[in-house]
């Protein structure tokens, strides 16, 4: 069976992994800690090819009918 890349499906929003510097800037900008961010499992198919490890932060960009684009952040946990 051929491998299917779920990230290319039209209903899956864009996922990207932040650099350590980007994570630090995000946490400082919003006065947060990693524990304050919503979680995403390291086994989630949408981030499988990002080689995400525990404590990495994933940026999710979704199309929004009212805002144009909506940005969400998730911290990776083992799962």
PDB file of N, CA and C in Angstrom:
ATOM      1  N   UNK A   1       0.837  -1.185   0.000  1.00  0.00           N
ATOM      2  CA  UNK A   1       0.000   0.000   0.000  1.00  0.00           C
ATOM      3  C   UNK A   1       0.879   1.245   0.000  1.00  0.00           C
ATOM      4  N   UNK A   2       0.462   2.230  -0.711  1.00  0.00           N
ATOM      5  CA  UNK A   2       1.194   3.476  -0.842  1.00  0.00           C
ATOM      6  C   UNK A   2       1.010   4.330   0.417  1.00  0.00           C
ATOM      7  N   UNK A   3       2.088   4.976   0.875  1.00  0.00           N
ATOM      8  CA  UNK A   3       1.979   5.884   2.019  1.00  0.00           C
ATOM      9  C   UNK A   3       1.205   7.126   1.606  1.00  0.00           C
ATOM     10  N   UNK A   4       0.289   7.529   2.469  1.00  0.00           N
ATOM     11  CA  UNK A   4      -0.512   8.715   2.207  1.00  0.00           C
ATOM     12  C   UNK A   4      -0.025   9.828   3.127  1.00  0.00           C
ATOM     13  N   UNK A   5       0.240  10.988   2.563  1.00  0.00           N
ATOM     14  CA  UNK A   5       0.672  12.131   3.357  1.00  0.00           C
ATOM     15  C   UNK A   5      -0.558  12.938   3.752  1.00  0.00           C
ATOM     16  N   UNK A   6      -1.006  12.734   4.981  1.00  0.00           N
ATOM     17  CA  UNK A   6      -2.225  13.379   5.479  1.00  0.00           C
ATOM     18  C   UNK A   6      -2.102  14.904   5.463  1.00  0.00           C
ATOM     19  N   UNK A   7      -0.877  15.419   5.568  1.00  0.00           N
ATOM     20  CA  UNK A   7      -0.673  16.865   5.600  1.00  0.00           C
ATOM     21  C   UNK A   7      -1.099  17.548   4.310  1.00  0.00           C
ATOM     22  N   UNK A   8      -1.217  16.806   3.237  1.00  0.00           N
ATOM     23  CA  UNK A   8      -1.594  17.382   1.945  1.00  0.00           C
ATOM     24  C   UNK A   8      -3.115  17.418   1.754  1.00  0.00           C
ATOM     25  N   UNK A   9      -3.861  16.843   2.694  1.00  0.00           N
ATOM     26  CA  UNK A   9      -5.322  16.840   2.574  1.00  0.00           C
ATOM     27  C   UNK A   9      -5.857  18.256   2.773  1.00  0.00           C
ATOM     28  N   UNK A  10      -6.871  18.617   2.024  1.00  0.00           N
ATOM     29  CA  UNK A  10      -7.406  19.987   2.043  1.00  0.00           C
ATOM     30  C   UNK A  10      -7.999  20.387   3.394  1.00  0.00           C
ATOM     31  N   UNK A  11      -8.381  19.439   4.227  1.00  0.00           N
ATOM     32  CA  UNK A  11      -8.971  19.759   5.523  1.00  0.00           C
ATOM     33  C   UNK A  11      -7.955  19.818   6.658  1.00  0.00           C
ATOM     34  N   UNK A  12      -6.707  19.478   6.373  1.00  0.00           N
ATOM     35  CA  UNK A  12      -5.664  19.516   7.402  1.00  0.00           C
ATOM     36  C   UNK A  12      -4.933  20.854   7.302  1.00  0.00           C
ATOM     37  N   UNK A  13      -4.978  21.658   8.380  1.00  0.00           N
ATOM     38  CA  UNK A  13      -4.309  22.957   8.325  1.00  0.00           C
ATOM     39  C   UNK A  13      -2.786  22.802   8.312  1.00  0.00           C
ATOM     40  N   UNK A  14      -2.113  23.869   7.956  1.00  0.00           N
ATOM     41  CA  UNK A  14      -0.646  23.879   7.906  1.00  0.00           C
ATOM     42  C   UNK A  14      -0.068  23.767   9.315  1.00  0.00           C
ATOM     43  N   UNK A  15       0.875  22.845   9.502  1.00  0.00           N
ATOM     44  CA  UNK A  15       1.569  22.653  10.778  1.00  0.00           C
ATOM     45  C   UNK A  15       3.053  22.895  10.547  1.00  0.00           C
ATOM     46  N   UNK A  16       3.699  23.620  11.455  1.00  0.00           N
ATOM     47  CA  UNK A  16       5.143  23.809  11.377  1.00  0.00           C
ATOM     48  C   UNK A  16       5.717  23.839  12.792  1.00  0.00           C
ATOM     49  N   UNK A  17       6.976  23.455  12.892  1.00  0.00           N
ATOM     50  CA  UNK A  17       7.651  23.417  14.188  1.00  0.00           C
ATOM     51  C   UNK A  17       8.418  24.715  14.393  1.00  0.00           C
ATOM     52  N   UNK A  18       8.246  25.325  15.561  1.00  0.00           N
ATOM     53  CA  UNK A  18       8.963  26.560  15.874  1.00  0.00           C
ATOM     54  C   UNK A  18      10.404  26.260  16.285  1.00  0.00           C
ATOM     55  N   UNK A  19      11.282  27.219  16.027  1.00  0.00           N
ATOM     56  CA  UNK A  19      12.659  27.113  16.504  1.00  0.00           C
ATOM     57  C   UNK A  19      12.673  27.446  17.994  1.00  0.00           C
ATOM     58  N   UNK A  20      13.770  27.144  18.658  1.00  0.00           N
ATOM     59  CA  UNK A  20      13.900  27.469  20.089  1.00  0.00           C
ATOM     60  C   UNK A  20      13.741  28.975  20.315  1.00  0.00           C
ATOM     61  N   UNK A  21      14.307  29.781  19.431  1.00  0.00           N
ATOM     62  CA  UNK A  21      14.192  31.239  19.552  1.00  0.00           C
ATOM     63  C   UNK A  21      12.734  31.685  19.399  1.00  0.00           C
ATOM     64  N   UNK A  22      12.031  31.118  18.423  1.00  0.00           N
ATOM     65  CA  UNK A  22      10.622  31.462  18.209  1.00  0.00           C
ATOM     66  C   UNK A  22       9.766  31.061  19.411  1.00  0.00           C
ATOM     67  N   UNK A  23      10.088  29.917  20.018  1.00  0.00           N
ATOM     68  CA  UNK A  23       9.357  29.475  21.215  1.00  0.00           C
ATOM     69  C   UNK A  23       9.557  30.483  22.338  1.00  0.00           C
ATOM     70  N   UNK A  24      10.804  30.882  22.557  1.00  0.00           N
ATOM     71  CA  UNK A  24      11.112  31.841  23.619  1.00  0.00           C
ATOM     72  C   UNK A  24      10.374  33.168  23.388  1.00  0.00           C
ATOM     73  N   UNK A  25      10.381  33.651  22.151  1.00  0.00           N
ATOM     74  CA  UNK A  25       9.698  34.907  21.819  1.00  0.00           C
ATOM     75  C   UNK A  25       8.188  34.788  22.045  1.00  0.00           C
ATOM     76  N   UNK A  26       7.599  33.656  21.666  1.00  0.00           N
ATOM     77  CA  UNK A  26       6.169  33.428  21.862  1.00  0.00           C
ATOM     78  C   UNK A  26       5.814  33.450  23.349  1.00  0.00           C
ATOM     79  N   UNK A  27       6.601  32.724  24.148  1.00  0.00           N
ATOM     80  CA  UNK A  27       6.325  32.639  25.584  1.00  0.00           C
ATOM     81  C   UNK A  27       6.482  34.005  26.261  1.00  0.00           C
ATOM     82  N   UNK A  28       7.491  34.759  25.855  1.00  0.00           N
ATOM     83  CA  UNK A  28       7.695  36.093  26.433  1.00  0.00           C
ATOM     84  C   UNK A  28       6.596  37.060  25.995  1.00  0.00           C
ATOM     85  N   UNK A  29       6.215  37.018  24.726  1.00  0.00           N
ATOM     86  CA  UNK A  29       5.204  37.938  24.197  1.00  0.00           C
ATOM     87  C   UNK A  29       3.879  37.801  24.943  1.00  0.00           C
ATOM     88  N   UNK A  30       3.484  36.559  25.232  1.00  0.00           N
ATOM     89  CA  UNK A  30       2.196  36.330  25.872  1.00  0.00           C
ATOM     90  C   UNK A  30       2.318  35.990  27.358  1.00  0.00           C
ATOM     91  N   UNK A  31       3.537  36.114  27.901  1.00  0.00           N
ATOM     92  CA  UNK A  31       3.785  35.820  29.319  1.00  0.00           C
ATOM     93  C   UNK A  31       3.245  34.441  29.698  1.00  0.00           C
ATOM     94  N   UNK A  32       3.702  33.420  28.972  1.00  0.00           N
ATOM     95  CA  UNK A  32       3.249  32.042  29.146  1.00  0.00           C
ATOM     96  C   UNK A  32       4.409  31.133  29.506  1.00  0.00           C
ATOM     97  N   UNK A  33       4.067  29.939  29.948  1.00  0.00           N
ATOM     98  CA  UNK A  33       5.038  28.851  30.051  1.00  0.00           C
ATOM     99  C   UNK A  33       4.543  27.741  29.121  1.00  0.00           C
ATOM    100  N   UNK A  34       5.375  26.759  28.848  1.00  0.00           N
ATOM    101  CA  UNK A  34       4.959  25.661  27.980  1.00  0.00           C
ATOM    102  C   UNK A  34       3.720  24.956  28.528  1.00  0.00           C
ATOM    103  N   UNK A  35       3.608  24.888  29.851  1.00  0.00           N
ATOM    104  CA  UNK A  35       2.456  24.223  30.473  1.00  0.00           C
ATOM    105  C   UNK A  35       1.140  24.946  30.196  1.00  0.00           C
ATOM    106  N   UNK A  36       1.199  26.216  29.829  1.00  0.00           N
ATOM    107  CA  UNK A  36      -0.010  26.992  29.547  1.00  0.00           C
ATOM    108  C   UNK A  36      -0.580  26.706  28.156  1.00  0.00           C
ATOM    109  N   UNK A  37       0.245  26.167  27.265  1.00  0.00           N
ATOM    110  CA  UNK A  37      -0.198  25.918  25.896  1.00  0.00           C
ATOM    111  C   UNK A  37      -1.017  24.631  25.814  1.00  0.00           C
ATOM    112  N   UNK A  38      -1.978  24.588  24.887  1.00  0.00           N
ATOM    113  CA  UNK A  38      -2.693  23.339  24.634  1.00  0.00           C
ATOM    114  C   UNK A  38      -1.706  22.277  24.145  1.00  0.00           C
ATOM    115  N   UNK A  39      -2.073  21.017  24.281  1.00  0.00           N
ATOM    116  CA  UNK A  39      -1.175  19.912  23.966  1.00  0.00           C
ATOM    117  C   UNK A  39      -1.488  19.305  22.594  1.00  0.00           C
ATOM    118  N   UNK A  40      -0.475  18.653  22.020  1.00  0.00           N
ATOM    119  CA  UNK A  40      -0.646  17.826  20.830  1.00  0.00           C
ATOM    120  C   UNK A  40       0.260  16.613  21.016  1.00  0.00           C
ATOM    121  N   UNK A  41      -0.241  15.443  20.700  1.00  0.00           N
ATOM    122  CA  UNK A  41       0.544  14.226  20.873  1.00  0.00           C
ATOM    123  C   UNK A  41       1.641  14.120  19.819  1.00  0.00           C
ATOM    124  N   UNK A  42       2.778  13.602  20.231  1.00  0.00           N
ATOM    125  CA  UNK A  42       3.891  13.419  19.294  1.00  0.00           C
ATOM    126  C   UNK A  42       3.528  12.417  18.199  1.00  0.00           C
ATOM    127  N   UNK A  43       2.508  11.608  18.447  1.00  0.00           N
ATOM    128  CA  UNK A  43       2.068  10.598  17.474  1.00  0.00           C
ATOM    129  C   UNK A  43       0.979  11.120  16.541  1.00  0.00           C
ATOM    130  N   UNK A  44       0.603  12.381  16.661  1.00  0.00           N
ATOM    131  CA  UNK A  44      -0.435  12.957  15.800  1.00  0.00           C
ATOM    132  C   UNK A  44       0.028  12.881  14.341  1.00  0.00           C
ATOM    133  N   UNK A  45      -0.786  12.318  13.458  1.00  0.00           N
ATOM    134  CA  UNK A  45      -0.374  12.173  12.053  1.00  0.00           C
ATOM    135  C   UNK A  45      -0.008  13.486  11.371  1.00  0.00           C
ATOM    136  N   UNK A  46      -0.595  14.606  11.797  1.00  0.00           N
ATOM    137  CA  UNK A  46      -0.325  15.891  11.148  1.00  0.00           C
ATOM    138  C   UNK A  46       1.092  16.390  11.410  1.00  0.00           C
ATOM    139  N   UNK A  47       1.740  15.924  12.482  1.00  0.00           N
ATOM    140  CA  UNK A  47       3.104  16.382  12.783  1.00  0.00           C
ATOM    141  C   UNK A  47       4.137  15.268  12.667  1.00  0.00           C
ATOM    142  N   UNK A  48       3.698  14.126  12.192  1.00  0.00           N
ATOM    143  CA  UNK A  48       4.559  12.951  12.092  1.00  0.00           C
ATOM    144  C   UNK A  48       5.869  13.240  11.347  1.00  0.00           C
ATOM    145  N   UNK A  49       5.805  13.956  10.256  1.00  0.00           N
ATOM    146  CA  UNK A  49       6.996  14.201   9.429  1.00  0.00           C
ATOM    147  C   UNK A  49       7.804  15.421   9.875  1.00  0.00           C
ATOM    148  N   UNK A  50       7.375  16.080  10.958  1.00  0.00           N
ATOM    149  CA  UNK A  50       8.117  17.234  11.474  1.00  0.00           C
ATOM    150  C   UNK A  50       9.206  16.819  12.468  1.00  0.00           C
ATOM    151  N   UNK A  51       9.270  15.520  12.781  1.00  0.00           N
ATOM    152  CA  UNK A  51      10.226  15.016  13.778  1.00  0.00           C
ATOM    153  C   UNK A  51      10.111  15.782  15.090  1.00  0.00           C
ATOM    154  N   UNK A  52       8.882  16.042  15.494  1.00  0.00           N
ATOM    155  CA  UNK A  52       8.641  16.798  16.720  1.00  0.00           C
ATOM    156  C   UNK A  52       8.891  15.925  17.946  1.00  0.00           C
ATOM    157  N   UNK A  53       9.534  16.536  18.920  1.00  0.00           N
ATOM    158  CA  UNK A  53       9.843  15.856  20.171  1.00  0.00           C
ATOM    159  C   UNK A  53       9.125  16.571  21.310  1.00  0.00           C
ATOM    160  N   UNK A  54       9.075  15.911  22.450  1.00  0.00           N
ATOM    161  CA  UNK A  54       8.427  16.491  23.617  1.00  0.00           C
ATOM    162  C   UNK A  54       8.980  17.890  23.887  1.00  0.00           C
ATOM    163  N   UNK A  55       8.103  18.827  24.186  1.00  0.00           N
ATOM    164  CA  UNK A  55       8.395  20.236  24.485  1.00  0.00           C
ATOM    165  C   UNK A  55       8.601  21.102  23.242  1.00  0.00           C
ATOM    166  N   UNK A  56       8.571  20.518  22.055  1.00  0.00           N
ATOM    167  CA  UNK A  56       8.570  21.347  20.844  1.00  0.00           C
ATOM    168  C   UNK A  56       7.220  22.050  20.760  1.00  0.00           C
ATOM    169  N   UNK A  57       7.181  23.171  20.058  1.00  0.00           N
ATOM    170  CA  UNK A  57       5.926  23.898  19.882  1.00  0.00           C
ATOM    171  C   UNK A  57       5.569  23.886  18.398  1.00  0.00           C
ATOM    172  N   UNK A  58       4.312  23.547  18.123  1.00  0.00           N
ATOM    173  CA  UNK A  58       3.805  23.466  16.766  1.00  0.00           C
ATOM    174  C   UNK A  58       2.890  24.653  16.502  1.00  0.00           C
ATOM    175  N   UNK A  59       3.120  25.306  15.378  1.00  0.00           N
ATOM    176  CA  UNK A  59       2.282  26.427  14.948  1.00  0.00           C
ATOM    177  C   UNK A  59       1.306  25.881  13.908  1.00  0.00           C
ATOM    178  N   UNK A  60       0.028  26.135  14.125  1.00  0.00           N
ATOM    179  CA  UNK A  60      -1.016  25.657  13.228  1.00  0.00           C
ATOM    180  C   UNK A  60      -1.720  26.869  12.636  1.00  0.00           C
ATOM    181  N   UNK A  61      -1.755  26.936  11.317  1.00  0.00           N
ATOM    182  CA  UNK A  61      -2.411  28.048  10.632  1.00  0.00           C
ATOM    183  C   UNK A  61      -3.648  27.507   9.928  1.00  0.00           C
ATOM    184  N   UNK A  62      -4.802  28.005  10.365  1.00  0.00           N
ATOM    185  CA  UNK A  62      -6.080  27.576   9.796  1.00  0.00           C
ATOM    186  C   UNK A  62      -6.719  28.733   9.029  1.00  0.00           C
ATOM    187  N   UNK A  63      -7.382  28.381   7.940  1.00  0.00           N
ATOM    188  CA  UNK A  63      -8.185  29.380   7.231  1.00  0.00           C
ATOM    189  C   UNK A  63      -9.405  29.697   8.074  1.00  0.00           C
ATOM    190  N   UNK A  64      -9.755  30.964   8.140  1.00  0.00           N
ATOM    191  CA  UNK A  64     -10.899  31.403   8.922  1.00  0.00           C
ATOM    192  C   UNK A  64     -11.787  32.292   8.067  1.00  0.00           C
ATOM    193  N   UNK A  65     -13.093  32.016   8.042  1.00  0.00           N
ATOM    194  CA  UNK A  65     -13.973  32.846   7.229  1.00  0.00           C
ATOM    195  C   UNK A  65     -14.088  34.282   7.740  1.00  0.00           C
ATOM    196  N   UNK A  66     -13.833  34.499   9.012  1.00  0.00           N
ATOM    197  CA  UNK A  66     -13.959  35.852   9.568  1.00  0.00           C
ATOM    198  C   UNK A  66     -12.619  36.567   9.725  1.00  0.00           C
ATOM    199  N   UNK A  67     -11.569  35.825  10.061  1.00  0.00           N
ATOM    200  CA  UNK A  67     -10.273  36.451  10.327  1.00  0.00           C
ATOM    201  C   UNK A  67      -9.276  36.270   9.189  1.00  0.00           C
ATOM    202  N   UNK A  68      -9.631  35.501   8.181  1.00  0.00           N
ATOM    203  CA  UNK A  68      -8.684  35.209   7.102  1.00  0.00           C
ATOM    204  C   UNK A  68      -7.817  34.025   7.461  1.00  0.00           C
ATOM    205  N   UNK A  69      -6.938  34.225   8.416  1.00  0.00           N
ATOM    206  CA  UNK A  69      -6.079  33.151   8.939  1.00  0.00           C
ATOM    207  C   UNK A  69      -6.114  33.213  10.458  1.00  0.00           C
ATOM    208  N   UNK A  70      -6.170  32.047  11.094  1.00  0.00           N
ATOM    209  CA  UNK A  70      -6.103  31.957  12.552  1.00  0.00           C
ATOM    210  C   UNK A  70      -4.883  31.129  12.905  1.00  0.00           C
ATOM    211  N   UNK A  71      -4.112  31.598  13.881  1.00  0.00           N
ATOM    212  CA  UNK A  71      -2.890  30.899  14.280  1.00  0.00           C
ATOM    213  C   UNK A  71      -3.084  30.318  15.671  1.00  0.00           C
ATOM    214  N   UNK A  72      -2.720  29.060  15.808  1.00  0.00           N
ATOM    215  CA  UNK A  72      -2.811  28.338  17.067  1.00  0.00           C
ATOM    216  C   UNK A  72      -1.444  27.736  17.376  1.00  0.00           C
ATOM    217  N   UNK A  73      -1.170  27.541  18.650  1.00  0.00           N
ATOM    218  CA  UNK A  73       0.092  26.928  19.077  1.00  0.00           C
ATOM    219  C   UNK A  73      -0.221  25.744  19.976  1.00  0.00           C
ATOM    220  N   UNK A  74       0.536  24.662  19.817  1.00  0.00           N
ATOM    221  CA  UNK A  74       0.394  23.471  20.641  1.00  0.00           C
ATOM    222  C   UNK A  74       1.781  23.013  21.069  1.00  0.00           C
ATOM    223  N   UNK A  75       1.891  22.542  22.306  1.00  0.00           N
ATOM    224  CA  UNK A  75       3.143  21.970  22.784  1.00  0.00           C
ATOM    225  C   UNK A  75       3.047  20.450  22.624  1.00  0.00           C
ATOM    226  N   UNK A  76       4.132  19.852  22.178  1.00  0.00           N
ATOM    227  CA  UNK A  76       4.163  18.411  21.919  1.00  0.00           C
ATOM    228  C   UNK A  76       4.381  17.659  23.226  1.00  0.00           C
ATOM    229  N   UNK A  77       3.555  16.623  23.416  1.00  0.00           N
ATOM    230  CA  UNK A  77       3.732  15.713  24.552  1.00  0.00           C
ATOM    231  C   UNK A  77       3.872  14.307  23.997  1.00  0.00           C
ATOM    232  N   UNK A  78       4.514  13.426  24.738  1.00  0.00           N
ATOM    233  CA  UNK A  78       4.659  12.044  24.288  1.00  0.00           C
ATOM    234  C   UNK A  78       3.319  11.333  24.359  1.00  0.00           C
ATOM    235  N   UNK A  79       3.106  10.490  23.383  1.00  0.00           N
ATOM    236  CA  UNK A  79       1.827   9.801  23.361  1.00  0.00           C
ATOM    237  C   UNK A  79       1.820   8.549  22.631  1.00  0.00           C
TER     238      UNK A  79
END
